[in-house]
Protein backbone atom coordinates (compact mmCIF):
# COMPACT_ATOMS: atom_id res chain seq x y z
CA MET A 1 0.04 0.04 0.02
CA LYS A 2 1.20 3.39 -0.99
CA THR A 3 1.62 6.27 1.68
CA ILE A 4 -0.97 9.01 1.09
CA ILE A 5 0.15 12.60 1.94
CA ASP A 6 -2.50 15.29 2.11
CA PHE A 7 -1.50 18.97 2.53
CA ILE A 8 -4.36 21.11 3.80
CA TRP A 9 -4.06 24.79 3.62
CA ASP A 10 -6.09 28.13 3.42
CA THR A 11 -5.36 30.93 0.97
CA GLN A 12 -5.01 33.43 3.87
CA CYS A 13 -2.60 31.47 5.80
CA PRO A 14 0.88 33.03 6.12
CA ASN A 15 2.56 29.74 7.07
CA ALA A 16 1.31 27.55 4.18
CA LYS A 17 4.42 28.37 1.94
CA ALA A 18 6.81 27.47 4.77
CA ALA A 19 5.16 24.21 5.59
CA ARG A 20 5.20 23.03 1.75
CA THR A 21 8.97 23.92 1.87
CA ASN A 22 9.44 21.91 4.94
CA LEU A 23 7.49 19.04 3.40
CA MET A 24 9.65 19.22 0.33
CA LYS A 25 12.76 18.99 2.60
CA ALA A 26 11.48 16.17 4.67
CA PHE A 27 10.91 14.02 1.49
CA SER A 28 14.51 14.81 0.46
CA ARG A 29 15.89 14.01 3.78
CA VAL A 30 14.27 10.62 3.88
CA GLY A 31 15.24 9.75 0.20
CA LEU A 32 11.57 9.76 -1.18
CA PRO A 33 10.24 11.40 -4.17
CA PRO A 34 8.06 14.23 -3.22
CA SER A 35 4.29 13.47 -3.79
CA TRP A 36 1.21 14.94 -2.08
CA ASN A 37 -2.31 15.87 -2.68
CA GLU A 38 -3.22 19.67 -2.03
CA TRP A 39 -6.67 20.52 -0.27
CA ARG A 40 -7.58 24.02 0.08
CA ILE A 41 -9.95 24.67 3.05
CA GLY A 42 -13.47 25.47 1.81
CA ASP A 43 -13.32 23.66 -1.48
CA GLU A 44 -16.40 21.79 -1.79
CA ASP A 45 -14.71 18.73 -3.53
CA ASN A 46 -12.48 18.04 -0.53
CA PRO A 47 -12.33 14.44 0.93
CA GLU A 48 -13.89 13.82 4.27
CA ARG A 49 -10.72 12.89 5.86
CA THR A 50 -9.55 16.42 5.29
CA LEU A 51 -12.26 18.29 6.94
CA GLY A 52 -12.10 20.28 10.12
CA PHE A 53 -8.29 20.88 10.10
CA GLY A 54 -6.69 24.12 10.34
CA SER A 55 -3.85 25.59 8.09
CA PRO A 56 -1.29 24.20 7.54
CA THR A 57 -2.09 20.39 8.09
CA ILE A 58 -0.18 17.39 6.84
CA LEU A 59 -2.08 14.02 7.04
CA ILE A 60 -0.29 10.93 6.44
CA ASN A 61 -2.54 8.01 5.51
CA GLY A 62 -5.58 10.12 6.80
CA LYS A 63 -4.02 10.91 10.05
CA ASP A 64 -2.54 14.30 11.36
CA LEU A 65 1.15 14.63 11.56
CA LEU A 66 0.89 15.03 15.22
CA GLY A 67 -1.99 12.74 15.87
CA THR A 68 -4.50 15.39 16.68
CA SER A 69 -8.04 15.44 15.32
CA GLY A 70 -9.68 17.89 13.12
CA ALA A 71 -10.54 21.30 14.77
CA LYS A 72 -14.02 22.95 14.30
CA GLY A 73 -13.91 25.72 11.87
CA ASN A 74 -11.14 27.35 9.95
CA SER A 75 -8.14 28.25 12.11
CA CYS A 76 -4.41 28.38 12.24
CA ARG A 77 -2.29 25.69 13.38
CA LEU A 78 0.47 25.81 15.80
CA TYR A 79 3.09 23.00 16.08
CA GLN A 80 5.59 22.24 18.98
CA ASN A 81 8.72 21.42 17.18
CA SER A 82 11.65 19.23 18.44
CA GLY A 83 13.27 22.06 20.48
CA GLY A 84 9.90 22.67 22.14
CA LYS A 85 9.18 25.91 20.54
CA LEU A 86 5.77 26.96 19.03
CA SER A 87 5.52 27.64 15.43
CA GLY A 88 2.95 27.85 12.68
CA VAL A 89 4.96 25.53 10.60
CA PRO A 90 5.84 21.83 11.49
CA ASP A 91 9.71 21.34 11.51
CA VAL A 92 11.43 19.21 8.94
CA GLU A 93 12.37 16.69 11.38
CA THR A 94 9.19 16.16 12.65
CA ILE A 95 7.68 15.55 9.16
CA ALA A 96 10.56 13.39 7.92
CA THR A 97 10.12 11.11 11.27
CA ALA A 98 6.48 10.68 10.40
CA LEU A 99 7.14 9.95 6.87
CA THR A 100 9.84 7.33 7.76
CA LYS A 101 7.48 5.65 10.14
CA ALA A 102 4.59 5.53 7.66
CA ASN A 103 6.84 3.92 4.97
CA THR A 104 8.23 1.40 7.37
CA GLU A 105 4.63 0.45 8.28
CA VAL A 106 3.40 0.17 4.75
CA ASP A 107 6.31 -1.97 3.57
């Protein structure tokens, strides 16, 4: 089974671009070709698994990167990165660890 990555974002989110960049870097770090689906919050054709999450959110096989469930309504996300600091963007290491884990479980 192939790992499915979903990137959920909002047009007004100032952190979406940086989160995309970190996602790309994480793919590179773990030696995988970058591949993900993009879902803009509010679009009518978004799959059910992407609903209720703030921006930016990364789902791996339908589960939030940090294991949280969707929030109610549109909101900005905060992530506690490996150094314990809060940020609006998940760090590369956190994403890379989750990608490695998912690909190990799938193989």
